[in-house]
Amino acid sequence: MTPVRRSRIGLVRSHTPTDGQARPVRSSLDESTLLYPDANVDRGGLPVMANRVMDLLAPGVLSLAEISAHVRLPVPIVKVIAADLVAGGHVLARTPAPPEQRNDCELLERILHALHEL
C-alpha cells in the first residue's frame, strides 16, 4: 500500500502569526471579549495577521471567538494577536456583562408598566 500524500497548502504553524509569542500580554481576554477598533490610531507597521484582524473589525464589534472563526486560527493564537492590538492601543476590549447583570427583571417590569400607561 502506498502512503497517502497530504497537501501542506494552507497549513501554518500556530506560532507564526504571533511572531513566536506563546502567551498574550493581557490575560483578561476570553472568547466572549468584544473587540472594536480605535479609528484614530495609525495601523502602519502592524503584522499581517494584526492587519487582517483590524480589517475584520472595521465595520464594527466582534467577539474574540468570531474573529478566531473568520481567520481560521485557534482562539489562543487570536488571543495573543488581540492582546497585542489592545496593548498597542489599536483595539479596545470590553467584556460583556455577566449573565446575572444582563436582564434586570425589576427594571424591565417598570419599563413595561410605564409603556402600558402611555
PDB file of N, CA and C in Angstrom:
ATOM      1  N   MET A   1       0.842  -1.165   0.000  1.00  0.00           N
ATOM      2  CA  MET A   1       0.000   0.000   0.000  1.00  0.00           C
ATOM      3  C   MET A   1       0.894   1.237   0.000  1.00  0.00           C
ATOM      4  N   THR A   2       0.618   2.191  -0.873  1.00  0.00           N
ATOM      5  CA  THR A   2       1.430   3.395  -0.958  1.00  0.00           C
ATOM      6  C   THR A   2       0.921   4.427   0.051  1.00  0.00           C
ATOM      7  N   PRO A   3       1.809   5.180   0.630  1.00  0.00           N
ATOM      8  CA  PRO A   3       1.381   6.189   1.602  1.00  0.00           C
ATOM      9  C   PRO A   3       0.604   7.308   0.917  1.00  0.00           C
ATOM     10  N   VAL A   4      -0.333   7.853   1.635  1.00  0.00           N
ATOM     11  CA  VAL A   4      -1.154   8.941   1.117  1.00  0.00           C
ATOM     12  C   VAL A   4      -0.392  10.246   1.278  1.00  0.00           C
ATOM     13  N   ARG A   5      -0.287  10.982   0.189  1.00  0.00           N
ATOM     14  CA  ARG A   5       0.380  12.286   0.247  1.00  0.00           C
ATOM     15  C   ARG A   5      -0.650  13.334   0.612  1.00  0.00           C
ATOM     16  N   ARG A   6      -0.341  14.085   1.606  1.00  0.00           N
ATOM     17  CA  ARG A   6      -1.252  15.143   2.036  1.00  0.00           C
ATOM     18  C   ARG A   6      -0.704  16.492   1.603  1.00  0.00           C
ATOM     19  N   SER A   7      -1.576  17.312   1.159  1.00  0.00           N
ATOM     20  CA  SER A   7      -1.180  18.653   0.744  1.00  0.00           C
ATOM     21  C   SER A   7      -0.891  19.501   1.969  1.00  0.00           C
ATOM     22  N   ARG A   8       0.186  20.256   1.916  1.00  0.00           N
ATOM     23  CA  ARG A   8       0.536  21.128   3.030  1.00  0.00           C
ATOM     24  C   ARG A   8       0.134  22.572   2.740  1.00  0.00           C
ATOM     25  N   ILE A   9      -0.610  22.770   1.664  1.00  0.00           N
ATOM     26  CA  ILE A   9      -1.067  24.110   1.324  1.00  0.00           C
ATOM     27  C   ILE A   9      -2.068  24.565   2.382  1.00  0.00           C
ATOM     28  N   GLY A  10      -1.890  25.757   2.863  1.00  0.00           N
ATOM     29  CA  GLY A  10      -2.815  26.315   3.840  1.00  0.00           C
ATOM     30  C   GLY A  10      -2.447  26.005   5.278  1.00  0.00           C
ATOM     31  N   LEU A  11      -1.428  25.176   5.485  1.00  0.00           N
ATOM     32  CA  LEU A  11      -1.015  24.862   6.843  1.00  0.00           C
ATOM     33  C   LEU A  11      -0.017  25.913   7.323  1.00  0.00           C
ATOM     34  N   VAL A  12      -0.294  26.473   8.484  1.00  0.00           N
ATOM     35  CA  VAL A  12       0.584  27.467   9.082  1.00  0.00           C
ATOM     36  C   VAL A  12       0.814  27.059  10.525  1.00  0.00           C
ATOM     37  N   ARG A  13       2.044  27.027  10.932  1.00  0.00           N
ATOM     38  CA  ARG A  13       2.335  26.709  12.331  1.00  0.00           C
ATOM     39  C   ARG A  13       1.705  27.775  13.219  1.00  0.00           C
ATOM     40  N   SER A  14       1.168  27.338  14.344  1.00  0.00           N
ATOM     41  CA  SER A  14       0.401  28.253  15.189  1.00  0.00           C
ATOM     42  C   SER A  14       1.228  29.417  15.726  1.00  0.00           C
ATOM     43  N   HIS A  15       2.525  29.263  15.878  1.00  0.00           N
ATOM     44  CA  HIS A  15       3.333  30.358  16.403  1.00  0.00           C
ATOM     45  C   HIS A  15       3.707  31.393  15.335  1.00  0.00           C
ATOM     46  N   THR A  16       3.483  31.096  14.078  1.00  0.00           N
ATOM     47  CA  THR A  16       3.867  32.010  13.003  1.00  0.00           C
ATOM     48  C   THR A  16       3.087  33.331  13.046  1.00  0.00           C
ATOM     49  N   PRO A  17       1.752  33.315  13.161  1.00  0.00           N
ATOM     50  CA  PRO A  17       1.031  34.600  13.180  1.00  0.00           C
ATOM     51  C   PRO A  17       1.329  35.461  14.401  1.00  0.00           C
ATOM     52  N   THR A  18       1.892  34.872  15.443  1.00  0.00           N
ATOM     53  CA  THR A  18       2.173  35.627  16.661  1.00  0.00           C
ATOM     54  C   THR A  18       3.654  35.977  16.790  1.00  0.00           C
ATOM     55  N   ASP A  19       4.422  35.750  15.746  1.00  0.00           N
ATOM     56  CA  ASP A  19       5.868  36.002  15.759  1.00  0.00           C
ATOM     57  C   ASP A  19       6.562  35.249  16.887  1.00  0.00           C
ATOM     58  N   GLY A  20       6.094  34.041  17.156  1.00  0.00           N
ATOM     59  CA  GLY A  20       6.713  33.192  18.160  1.00  0.00           C
ATOM     60  C   GLY A  20       6.251  33.441  19.578  1.00  0.00           C
ATOM     61  N   GLN A  21       5.392  34.419  19.778  1.00  0.00           N
ATOM     62  CA  GLN A  21       4.900  34.732  21.126  1.00  0.00           C
ATOM     63  C   GLN A  21       3.878  33.676  21.542  1.00  0.00           C
ATOM     64  N   ALA A  22       4.064  33.097  22.708  1.00  0.00           N
ATOM     65  CA  ALA A  22       3.208  31.995  23.135  1.00  0.00           C
ATOM     66  C   ALA A  22       2.073  32.425  24.060  1.00  0.00           C
ATOM     67  N   ARG A  23       2.266  33.498  24.798  1.00  0.00           N
ATOM     68  CA  ARG A  23       1.256  33.932  25.770  1.00  0.00           C
ATOM     69  C   ARG A  23       0.854  35.370  25.484  1.00  0.00           C
ATOM     70  N   PRO A  24      -0.427  35.676  25.699  1.00  0.00           N
ATOM     71  CA  PRO A  24      -0.870  37.060  25.498  1.00  0.00           C
ATOM     72  C   PRO A  24      -0.297  37.981  26.563  1.00  0.00           C
ATOM     73  N   VAL A  25      -0.063  39.237  26.193  1.00  0.00           N
ATOM     74  CA  VAL A  25       0.455  40.208  27.155  1.00  0.00           C
ATOM     75  C   VAL A  25      -0.637  40.646  28.130  1.00  0.00           C
ATOM     76  N   ARG A  26      -1.868  40.333  27.795  1.00  0.00           N
ATOM     77  CA  ARG A  26      -3.015  40.694  28.631  1.00  0.00           C
ATOM     78  C   ARG A  26      -3.843  39.435  28.829  1.00  0.00           C
ATOM     79  N   SER A  27      -3.970  38.988  30.069  1.00  0.00           N
ATOM     80  CA  SER A  27      -4.643  37.712  30.321  1.00  0.00           C
ATOM     81  C   SER A  27      -6.141  37.847  30.548  1.00  0.00           C
ATOM     82  N   SER A  28      -6.678  39.054  30.532  1.00  0.00           N
ATOM     83  CA  SER A  28      -8.098  39.231  30.824  1.00  0.00           C
ATOM     84  C   SER A  28      -9.007  38.970  29.617  1.00  0.00           C
ATOM     85  N   LEU A  29      -8.439  38.674  28.467  1.00  0.00           N
ATOM     86  CA  LEU A  29      -9.248  38.403  27.279  1.00  0.00           C
ATOM     87  C   LEU A  29      -9.748  36.967  27.313  1.00  0.00           C
ATOM     88  N   ASP A  30     -11.014  36.776  26.924  1.00  0.00           N
ATOM     89  CA  ASP A  30     -11.527  35.421  26.752  1.00  0.00           C
ATOM     90  C   ASP A  30     -12.347  35.380  25.474  1.00  0.00           C
ATOM     91  N   GLU A  31     -12.968  34.253  25.197  1.00  0.00           N
ATOM     92  CA  GLU A  31     -13.682  34.065  23.926  1.00  0.00           C
ATOM     93  C   GLU A  31     -14.820  35.048  23.730  1.00  0.00           C
ATOM     94  N   SER A  32     -15.422  35.505  24.811  1.00  0.00           N
ATOM     95  CA  SER A  32     -16.573  36.396  24.690  1.00  0.00           C
ATOM     96  C   SER A  32     -16.199  37.874  24.739  1.00  0.00           C
ATOM     97  N   THR A  33     -14.918  38.181  24.883  1.00  0.00           N
ATOM     98  CA  THR A  33     -14.483  39.579  24.912  1.00  0.00           C
ATOM     99  C   THR A  33     -14.830  40.249  23.592  1.00  0.00           C
ATOM    100  N   LEU A  34     -15.440  41.413  23.691  1.00  0.00           N
ATOM    101  CA  LEU A  34     -15.816  42.169  22.500  1.00  0.00           C
ATOM    102  C   LEU A  34     -14.686  43.122  22.148  1.00  0.00           C
ATOM    103  N   LEU A  35     -14.321  43.131  20.877  1.00  0.00           N
ATOM    104  CA  LEU A  35     -13.232  43.973  20.395  1.00  0.00           C
ATOM    105  C   LEU A  35     -13.756  44.939  19.351  1.00  0.00           C
ATOM    106  N   TYR A  36     -13.299  46.179  19.427  1.00  0.00           N
ATOM    107  CA  TYR A  36     -13.657  47.151  18.404  1.00  0.00           C
ATOM    108  C   TYR A  36     -12.471  48.078  18.181  1.00  0.00           C
ATOM    109  N   PRO A  37     -12.302  48.533  16.939  1.00  0.00           N
ATOM    110  CA  PRO A  37     -11.096  49.294  16.596  1.00  0.00           C
ATOM    111  C   PRO A  37     -11.160  50.731  17.085  1.00  0.00           C
ATOM    112  N   ASP A  38     -10.005  51.295  17.358  1.00  0.00           N
ATOM    113  CA  ASP A  38      -9.888  52.719  17.625  1.00  0.00           C
ATOM    114  C   ASP A  38      -9.499  53.351  16.293  1.00  0.00           C
ATOM    115  N   ALA A  39     -10.427  54.043  15.679  1.00  0.00           N
ATOM    116  CA  ALA A  39     -10.215  54.581  14.331  1.00  0.00           C
ATOM    117  C   ALA A  39      -9.144  55.664  14.280  1.00  0.00           C
ATOM    118  N   ASN A  40      -8.787  56.231  15.415  1.00  0.00           N
ATOM    119  CA  ASN A  40      -7.825  57.335  15.438  1.00  0.00           C
ATOM    120  C   ASN A  40      -6.374  56.877  15.474  1.00  0.00           C
ATOM    121  N   VAL A  41      -6.129  55.570  15.570  1.00  0.00           N
ATOM    122  CA  VAL A  41      -4.767  55.057  15.693  1.00  0.00           C
ATOM    123  C   VAL A  41      -4.260  54.602  14.323  1.00  0.00           C
ATOM    124  N   ASP A  42      -3.018  54.955  14.022  1.00  0.00           N
ATOM    125  CA  ASP A  42      -2.388  54.576  12.757  1.00  0.00           C
ATOM    126  C   ASP A  42      -2.073  53.076  12.760  1.00  0.00           C
ATOM    127  N   ARG A  43      -2.417  52.394  11.673  1.00  0.00           N
ATOM    128  CA  ARG A  43      -2.191  50.949  11.556  1.00  0.00           C
ATOM    129  C   ARG A  43      -0.851  50.608  10.929  1.00  0.00           C
ATOM    130  N   GLY A  44      -0.063  51.579  10.614  1.00  0.00           N
ATOM    131  CA  GLY A  44       1.228  51.333   9.979  1.00  0.00           C
ATOM    132  C   GLY A  44       2.142  50.496  10.854  1.00  0.00           C
ATOM    133  N   GLY A  45       2.827  49.552  10.228  1.00  0.00           N
ATOM    134  CA  GLY A  45       3.783  48.723  10.942  1.00  0.00           C
ATOM    135  C   GLY A  45       3.199  47.505  11.630  1.00  0.00           C
ATOM    136  N   LEU A  46       1.909  47.292  11.502  1.00  0.00           N
ATOM    137  CA  LEU A  46       1.300  46.111  12.121  1.00  0.00           C
ATOM    138  C   LEU A  46       1.624  44.859  11.309  1.00  0.00           C
ATOM    139  N   PRO A  47       1.783  43.717  11.974  1.00  0.00           N
ATOM    140  CA  PRO A  47       1.981  42.457  11.247  1.00  0.00           C
ATOM    141  C   PRO A  47       0.756  42.119  10.390  1.00  0.00           C
ATOM    142  N   VAL A  48       0.939  41.226   9.465  1.00  0.00           N
ATOM    143  CA  VAL A  48      -0.117  40.870   8.506  1.00  0.00           C
ATOM    144  C   VAL A  48      -1.384  40.405   9.214  1.00  0.00           C
ATOM    145  N   MET A  49      -1.259  39.489  10.174  1.00  0.00           N
ATOM    146  CA  MET A  49      -2.452  38.959  10.836  1.00  0.00           C
ATOM    147  C   MET A  49      -3.135  40.030  11.674  1.00  0.00           C
ATOM    148  N   ALA A  50      -2.379  40.920  12.271  1.00  0.00           N
ATOM    149  CA  ALA A  50      -2.979  42.014  13.036  1.00  0.00           C
ATOM    150  C   ALA A  50      -3.764  42.939  12.105  1.00  0.00           C
ATOM    151  N   ASN A  51      -3.230  43.199  10.926  1.00  0.00           N
ATOM    152  CA  ASN A  51      -3.963  43.997   9.936  1.00  0.00           C
ATOM    153  C   ASN A  51      -5.242  43.300   9.496  1.00  0.00           C
ATOM    154  N   ARG A  52      -5.172  41.987   9.371  1.00  0.00           N
ATOM    155  CA  ARG A  52      -6.366  41.223   8.981  1.00  0.00           C
ATOM    156  C   ARG A  52      -7.448  41.334  10.053  1.00  0.00           C
ATOM    157  N   VAL A  53      -7.036  41.259  11.309  1.00  0.00           N
ATOM    158  CA  VAL A  53      -7.984  41.418  12.414  1.00  0.00           C
ATOM    159  C   VAL A  53      -8.579  42.825  12.387  1.00  0.00           C
ATOM    160  N   MET A  54      -7.754  43.821  12.142  1.00  0.00           N
ATOM    161  CA  MET A  54      -8.245  45.199  12.065  1.00  0.00           C
ATOM    162  C   MET A  54      -9.239  45.366  10.915  1.00  0.00           C
ATOM    163  N   ASP A  55      -8.994  44.709   9.783  1.00  0.00           N
ATOM    164  CA  ASP A  55      -9.937  44.754   8.664  1.00  0.00           C
ATOM    165  C   ASP A  55     -11.275  44.139   9.057  1.00  0.00           C
ATOM    166  N   LEU A  56     -11.233  43.035   9.800  1.00  0.00           N
ATOM    167  CA  LEU A  56     -12.467  42.403  10.246  1.00  0.00           C
ATOM    168  C   LEU A  56     -13.248  43.295  11.197  1.00  0.00           C
ATOM    169  N   LEU A  57     -12.536  44.062  11.997  1.00  0.00           N
ATOM    170  CA  LEU A  57     -13.184  44.923  12.978  1.00  0.00           C
ATOM    171  C   LEU A  57     -13.652  46.254  12.400  1.00  0.00           C
ATOM    172  N   ALA A  58     -13.242  46.576  11.188  1.00  0.00           N
ATOM    173  CA  ALA A  58     -13.578  47.878  10.594  1.00  0.00           C
ATOM    174  C   ALA A  58     -15.080  48.176  10.599  1.00  0.00           C
ATOM    175  N   PRO A  59     -15.947  47.215  10.247  1.00  0.00           N
ATOM    176  CA  PRO A  59     -17.380  47.529  10.246  1.00  0.00           C
ATOM    177  C   PRO A  59     -17.995  47.661  11.638  1.00  0.00           C
ATOM    178  N   GLY A  60     -17.363  47.102  12.652  1.00  0.00           N
ATOM    179  CA  GLY A  60     -17.957  47.185  13.986  1.00  0.00           C
ATOM    180  C   GLY A  60     -17.307  46.257  14.980  1.00  0.00           C
ATOM    181  N   VAL A  61     -18.105  45.783  15.908  1.00  0.00           N
ATOM    182  CA  VAL A  61     -17.635  44.986  17.035  1.00  0.00           C
ATOM    183  C   VAL A  61     -17.747  43.492  16.730  1.00  0.00           C
ATOM    184  N   LEU A  62     -16.712  42.739  17.115  1.00  0.00           N
ATOM    185  CA  LEU A  62     -16.737  41.279  17.026  1.00  0.00           C
ATOM    186  C   LEU A  62     -16.172  40.705  18.312  1.00  0.00           C
ATOM    187  N   SER A  63     -16.608  39.510  18.647  1.00  0.00           N
ATOM    188  CA  SER A  63     -16.024  38.826  19.797  1.00  0.00           C
ATOM    189  C   SER A  63     -14.734  38.136  19.368  1.00  0.00           C
ATOM    190  N   LEU A  64     -13.929  37.797  20.335  1.00  0.00           N
ATOM    191  CA  LEU A  64     -12.678  37.104  20.060  1.00  0.00           C
ATOM    192  C   LEU A  64     -12.954  35.777  19.358  1.00  0.00           C
ATOM    193  N   ALA A  65     -14.003  35.074  19.762  1.00  0.00           N
ATOM    194  CA  ALA A  65     -14.356  33.796  19.140  1.00  0.00           C
ATOM    195  C   ALA A  65     -14.764  33.985  17.680  1.00  0.00           C
ATOM    196  N   GLU A  66     -15.490  35.060  17.377  1.00  0.00           N
ATOM    197  CA  GLU A  66     -15.884  35.328  15.990  1.00  0.00           C
ATOM    198  C   GLU A  66     -14.670  35.627  15.115  1.00  0.00           C
ATOM    199  N   ILE A  67     -13.743  36.395  15.649  1.00  0.00           N
ATOM    200  CA  ILE A  67     -12.522  36.694  14.899  1.00  0.00           C
ATOM    201  C   ILE A  67     -11.755  35.410  14.638  1.00  0.00           C
ATOM    202  N   SER A  68     -11.676  34.560  15.647  1.00  0.00           N
ATOM    203  CA  SER A  68     -10.994  33.273  15.508  1.00  0.00           C
ATOM    204  C   SER A  68     -11.594  32.462  14.364  1.00  0.00           C
ATOM    205  N   ALA A  69     -12.916  32.448  14.283  1.00  0.00           N
ATOM    206  CA  ALA A  69     -13.583  31.693  13.222  1.00  0.00           C
ATOM    207  C   ALA A  69     -13.300  32.304  11.850  1.00  0.00           C
ATOM    208  N   HIS A  70     -13.297  33.625  11.762  1.00  0.00           N
ATOM    209  CA  HIS A  70     -13.054  34.297  10.482  1.00  0.00           C
ATOM    210  C   HIS A  70     -11.633  34.070   9.961  1.00  0.00           C
ATOM    211  N   VAL A  71     -10.660  34.126  10.855  1.00  0.00           N
ATOM    212  CA  VAL A  71      -9.270  33.973  10.406  1.00  0.00           C
ATOM    213  C   VAL A  71      -8.812  32.521  10.421  1.00  0.00           C
ATOM    214  N   ARG A  72      -9.682  31.638  10.887  1.00  0.00           N
ATOM    215  CA  ARG A  72      -9.411  30.192  10.923  1.00  0.00           C
ATOM    216  C   ARG A  72      -8.143  29.852  11.702  1.00  0.00           C
ATOM    217  N   LEU A  73      -8.044  30.463  12.873  1.00  0.00           N
ATOM    218  CA  LEU A  73      -6.955  30.181  13.796  1.00  0.00           C
ATOM    219  C   LEU A  73      -7.544  29.847  15.158  1.00  0.00           C
ATOM    220  N   PRO A  74      -6.838  29.057  15.962  1.00  0.00           N
ATOM    221  CA  PRO A  74      -7.344  28.733  17.296  1.00  0.00           C
ATOM    222  C   PRO A  74      -7.477  29.988  18.167  1.00  0.00           C
ATOM    223  N   VAL A  75      -8.425  29.951  19.081  1.00  0.00           N
ATOM    224  CA  VAL A  75      -8.684  31.096  19.959  1.00  0.00           C
ATOM    225  C   VAL A  75      -7.428  31.539  20.715  1.00  0.00           C
ATOM    226  N   PRO A  76      -6.612  30.630  21.273  1.00  0.00           N
ATOM    227  CA  PRO A  76      -5.419  31.115  21.985  1.00  0.00           C
ATOM    228  C   PRO A  76      -4.463  31.930  21.118  1.00  0.00           C
ATOM    229  N   ILE A  77      -4.368  31.600  19.835  1.00  0.00           N
ATOM    230  CA  ILE A  77      -3.500  32.355  18.927  1.00  0.00           C
ATOM    231  C   ILE A  77      -4.096  33.737  18.673  1.00  0.00           C
ATOM    232  N   VAL A  78      -5.401  33.790  18.437  1.00  0.00           N
ATOM    233  CA  VAL A  78      -6.066  35.072  18.206  1.00  0.00           C
ATOM    234  C   VAL A  78      -6.017  35.917  19.476  1.00  0.00           C
ATOM    235  N   LYS A  79      -6.040  35.262  20.625  1.00  0.00           N
ATOM    236  CA  LYS A  79      -5.947  35.979  21.898  1.00  0.00           C
ATOM    237  C   LYS A  79      -4.610  36.715  22.006  1.00  0.00           C
ATOM    238  N   VAL A  80      -3.532  36.091  21.552  1.00  0.00           N
ATOM    239  CA  VAL A  80      -2.210  36.734  21.570  1.00  0.00           C
ATOM    240  C   VAL A  80      -2.203  37.938  20.638  1.00  0.00           C
ATOM    241  N   ILE A  81      -2.751  37.774  19.444  1.00  0.00           N
ATOM    242  CA  ILE A  81      -2.791  38.870  18.466  1.00  0.00           C
ATOM    243  C   ILE A  81      -3.647  40.015  18.992  1.00  0.00           C
ATOM    244  N   ALA A  82      -4.823  39.687  19.531  1.00  0.00           N
ATOM    245  CA  ALA A  82      -5.733  40.711  20.059  1.00  0.00           C
ATOM    246  C   ALA A  82      -5.117  41.431  21.251  1.00  0.00           C
ATOM    247  N   ALA A  83      -4.435  40.699  22.117  1.00  0.00           N
ATOM    248  CA  ALA A  83      -3.806  41.320  23.288  1.00  0.00           C
ATOM    249  C   ALA A  83      -2.746  42.326  22.859  1.00  0.00           C
ATOM    250  N   ASP A  84      -2.000  41.997  21.818  1.00  0.00           N
ATOM    251  CA  ASP A  84      -1.002  42.934  21.298  1.00  0.00           C
ATOM    252  C   ASP A  84      -1.666  44.181  20.714  1.00  0.00           C
ATOM    253  N   LEU A  85      -2.787  43.984  20.031  1.00  0.00           N
ATOM    254  CA  LEU A  85      -3.514  45.125  19.472  1.00  0.00           C
ATOM    255  C   LEU A  85      -4.094  46.015  20.574  1.00  0.00           C
ATOM    256  N   VAL A  86      -4.586  45.402  21.634  1.00  0.00           N
ATOM    257  CA  VAL A  86      -5.117  46.169  22.765  1.00  0.00           C
ATOM    258  C   VAL A  86      -3.974  46.929  23.444  1.00  0.00           C
ATOM    259  N   ALA A  87      -2.869  46.252  23.683  1.00  0.00           N
ATOM    260  CA  ALA A  87      -1.721  46.888  24.334  1.00  0.00           C
ATOM    261  C   ALA A  87      -1.181  48.048  23.499  1.00  0.00           C
ATOM    262  N   GLY A  88      -1.253  47.927  22.177  1.00  0.00           N
ATOM    263  CA  GLY A  88      -0.783  48.984  21.285  1.00  0.00           C
ATOM    264  C   GLY A  88      -1.783  50.108  21.089  1.00  0.00           C
ATOM    265  N   GLY A  89      -2.979  49.963  21.655  1.00  0.00           N
ATOM    266  CA  GLY A  89      -3.998  50.998  21.527  1.00  0.00           C
ATOM    267  C   GLY A  89      -4.770  50.965  20.225  1.00  0.00           C
ATOM    268  N   HIS A  90      -4.587  49.925  19.414  1.00  0.00           N
ATOM    269  CA  HIS A  90      -5.290  49.814  18.140  1.00  0.00           C
ATOM    270  C   HIS A  90      -6.723  49.331  18.315  1.00  0.00           C
ATOM    271  N   VAL A  91      -6.933  48.527  19.355  1.00  0.00           N
ATOM    272  CA  VAL A  91      -8.232  47.895  19.582  1.00  0.00           C
ATOM    273  C   VAL A  91      -8.629  48.128  21.032  1.00  0.00           C
ATOM    274  N   LEU A  92      -9.905  48.356  21.226  1.00  0.00           N
ATOM    275  CA  LEU A  92     -10.455  48.474  22.575  1.00  0.00           C
ATOM    276  C   LEU A  92     -11.198  47.189  22.891  1.00  0.00           C
ATOM    277  N   ALA A  93     -11.048  46.717  24.106  1.00  0.00           N
ATOM    278  CA  ALA A  93     -11.678  45.456  24.520  1.00  0.00           C
ATOM    279  C   ALA A  93     -12.686  45.732  25.621  1.00  0.00           C
ATOM    280  N   ARG A  94     -13.779  45.002  25.542  1.00  0.00           N
ATOM    281  CA  ARG A  94     -14.814  45.124  26.560  1.00  0.00           C
ATOM    282  C   ARG A  94     -15.369  43.744  26.842  1.00  0.00           C
ATOM    283  N   THR A  95     -15.419  43.400  28.099  1.00  0.00           N
ATOM    284  CA  THR A  95     -16.002  42.122  28.487  1.00  0.00           C
ATOM    285  C   THR A  95     -17.502  42.315  28.608  1.00  0.00           C
ATOM    286  N   PRO A  96     -18.299  41.441  28.000  1.00  0.00           N
ATOM    287  CA  PRO A  96     -19.740  41.587  28.115  1.00  0.00           C
ATOM    288  C   PRO A  96     -20.189  41.443  29.568  1.00  0.00           C
ATOM    289  N   ALA A  97     -21.331  42.005  29.860  1.00  0.00           N
ATOM    290  CA  ALA A  97     -21.871  41.927  31.222  1.00  0.00           C
ATOM    291  C   ALA A  97     -22.120  40.474  31.603  1.00  0.00           C
ATOM    292  N   PRO A  98     -21.872  40.127  32.857  1.00  0.00           N
ATOM    293  CA  PRO A  98     -22.178  38.761  33.303  1.00  0.00           C
ATOM    294  C   PRO A  98     -23.668  38.471  33.157  1.00  0.00           C
ATOM    295  N   PRO A  99     -24.039  37.209  32.982  1.00  0.00           N
ATOM    296  CA  PRO A  99     -25.444  36.867  32.756  1.00  0.00           C
ATOM    297  C   PRO A  99     -26.396  37.422  33.814  1.00  0.00           C
ATOM    298  N   GLU A 100     -25.948  37.462  35.066  1.00  0.00           N
ATOM    299  CA  GLU A 100     -26.846  37.947  36.111  1.00  0.00           C
ATOM    300  C   GLU A 100     -27.094  39.451  36.029  1.00  0.00           C
ATOM    301  N   GLN A 101     -26.255  40.187  35.297  1.00  0.00           N
ATOM    302  CA  GLN A 101     -26.442  41.621  35.154  1.00  0.00           C
ATOM    303  C   GLN A 101     -27.099  42.011  33.833  1.00  0.00           C
ATOM    304  N   ARG A 102     -27.296  41.058  32.951  1.00  0.00           N
ATOM    305  CA  ARG A 102     -27.835  41.385  31.623  1.00  0.00           C
ATOM    306  C   ARG A 102     -29.303  41.762  31.664  1.00  0.00           C
ATOM    307  N   ASN A 103     -30.095  41.065  32.449  1.00  0.00           N
ATOM    308  CA  ASN A 103     -31.527  41.314  32.494  1.00  0.00           C
ATOM    309  C   ASN A 103     -31.944  41.609  33.926  1.00  0.00           C
ATOM    310  N   ASP A 104     -32.180  42.864  34.192  1.00  0.00           N
ATOM    311  CA  ASP A 104     -32.696  43.267  35.497  1.00  0.00           C
ATOM    312  C   ASP A 104     -34.215  43.201  35.393  1.00  0.00           C
ATOM    313  N   CYS A 105     -34.794  42.126  35.910  1.00  0.00           N
ATOM    314  CA  CYS A 105     -36.230  41.881  35.757  1.00  0.00           C
ATOM    315  C   CYS A 105     -37.068  43.007  36.351  1.00  0.00           C
ATOM    316  N   GLU A 106     -36.644  43.539  37.474  1.00  0.00           N
ATOM    317  CA  GLU A 106     -37.405  44.622  38.104  1.00  0.00           C
ATOM    318  C   GLU A 106     -37.432  45.853  37.205  1.00  0.00           C
ATOM    319  N   LEU A 107     -36.290  46.187  36.617  1.00  0.00           N
ATOM    320  CA  LEU A 107     -36.216  47.323  35.708  1.00  0.00           C
ATOM    321  C   LEU A 107     -37.078  47.079  34.474  1.00  0.00           C
ATOM    322  N   LEU A 108     -37.022  45.891  33.922  1.00  0.00           N
ATOM    323  CA  LEU A 108     -37.838  45.571  32.748  1.00  0.00           C
ATOM    324  C   LEU A 108     -39.324  45.654  33.054  1.00  0.00           C
ATOM    325  N   GLU A 109     -39.723  45.219  34.235  1.00  0.00           N
ATOM    326  CA  GLU A 109     -41.137  45.303  34.627  1.00  0.00           C
ATOM    327  C   GLU A 109     -41.572  46.757  34.779  1.00  0.00           C
ATOM    328  N   ARG A 110     -40.701  47.614  35.342  1.00  0.00           N
ATOM    329  CA  ARG A 110     -41.048  49.037  35.487  1.00  0.00           C
ATOM    330  C   ARG A 110     -41.181  49.690  34.111  1.00  0.00           C
ATOM    331  N   ILE A 111     -40.302  49.325  33.192  1.00  0.00           N
ATOM    332  CA  ILE A 111     -40.385  49.870  31.827  1.00  0.00           C
ATOM    333  C   ILE A 111     -41.669  49.414  31.153  1.00  0.00           C
ATOM    334  N   LEU A 112     -41.999  48.154  31.293  1.00  0.00           N
ATOM    335  CA  LEU A 112     -43.228  47.609  30.701  1.00  0.00           C
ATOM    336  C   LEU A 112     -44.451  48.309  31.285  1.00  0.00           C
ATOM    337  N   HIS A 113     -44.453  48.515  32.593  1.00  0.00           N
ATOM    338  CA  HIS A 113     -45.575  49.185  33.248  1.00  0.00           C
ATOM    339  C   HIS A 113     -45.695  50.624  32.741  1.00  0.00           C
ATOM    340  N   ALA A 114     -44.571  51.319  32.592  1.00  0.00           N
ATOM    341  CA  ALA A 114     -44.593  52.711  32.082  1.00  0.00           C
ATOM    342  C   ALA A 114     -45.095  52.750  30.639  1.00  0.00           C
ATOM    343  N   LEU A 115     -44.729  51.744  29.843  1.00  0.00           N
ATOM    344  CA  LEU A 115     -45.195  51.704  28.463  1.00  0.00           C
ATOM    345  C   LEU A 115     -46.712  51.479  28.401  1.00  0.00           C
ATOM    346  N   HIS A 116     -47.213  50.639  29.283  1.00  0.00           N
ATOM    347  CA  HIS A 116     -48.661  50.393  29.319  1.00  0.00           C
ATOM    348  C   HIS A 116     -49.430  51.646  29.710  1.00  0.00           C
ATOM    349  N   GLU A 117     -48.830  52.489  30.540  1.00  0.00           N
ATOM    350  CA  GLU A 117     -49.511  53.709  30.988  1.00  0.00           C
ATOM    351  C   GLU A 117     -49.492  54.798  29.927  1.00  0.00           C
ATOM    352  N   LEU A 118     -48.667  54.644  28.916  1.00  0.00           N
ATOM    353  CA  LEU A 118     -48.646  55.645  27.841  1.00  0.00           C
ATOM    354  C   LEU A 118     -49.899  55.493  27.059  1.00  0.00           C
TER     355      LEU A 118
END
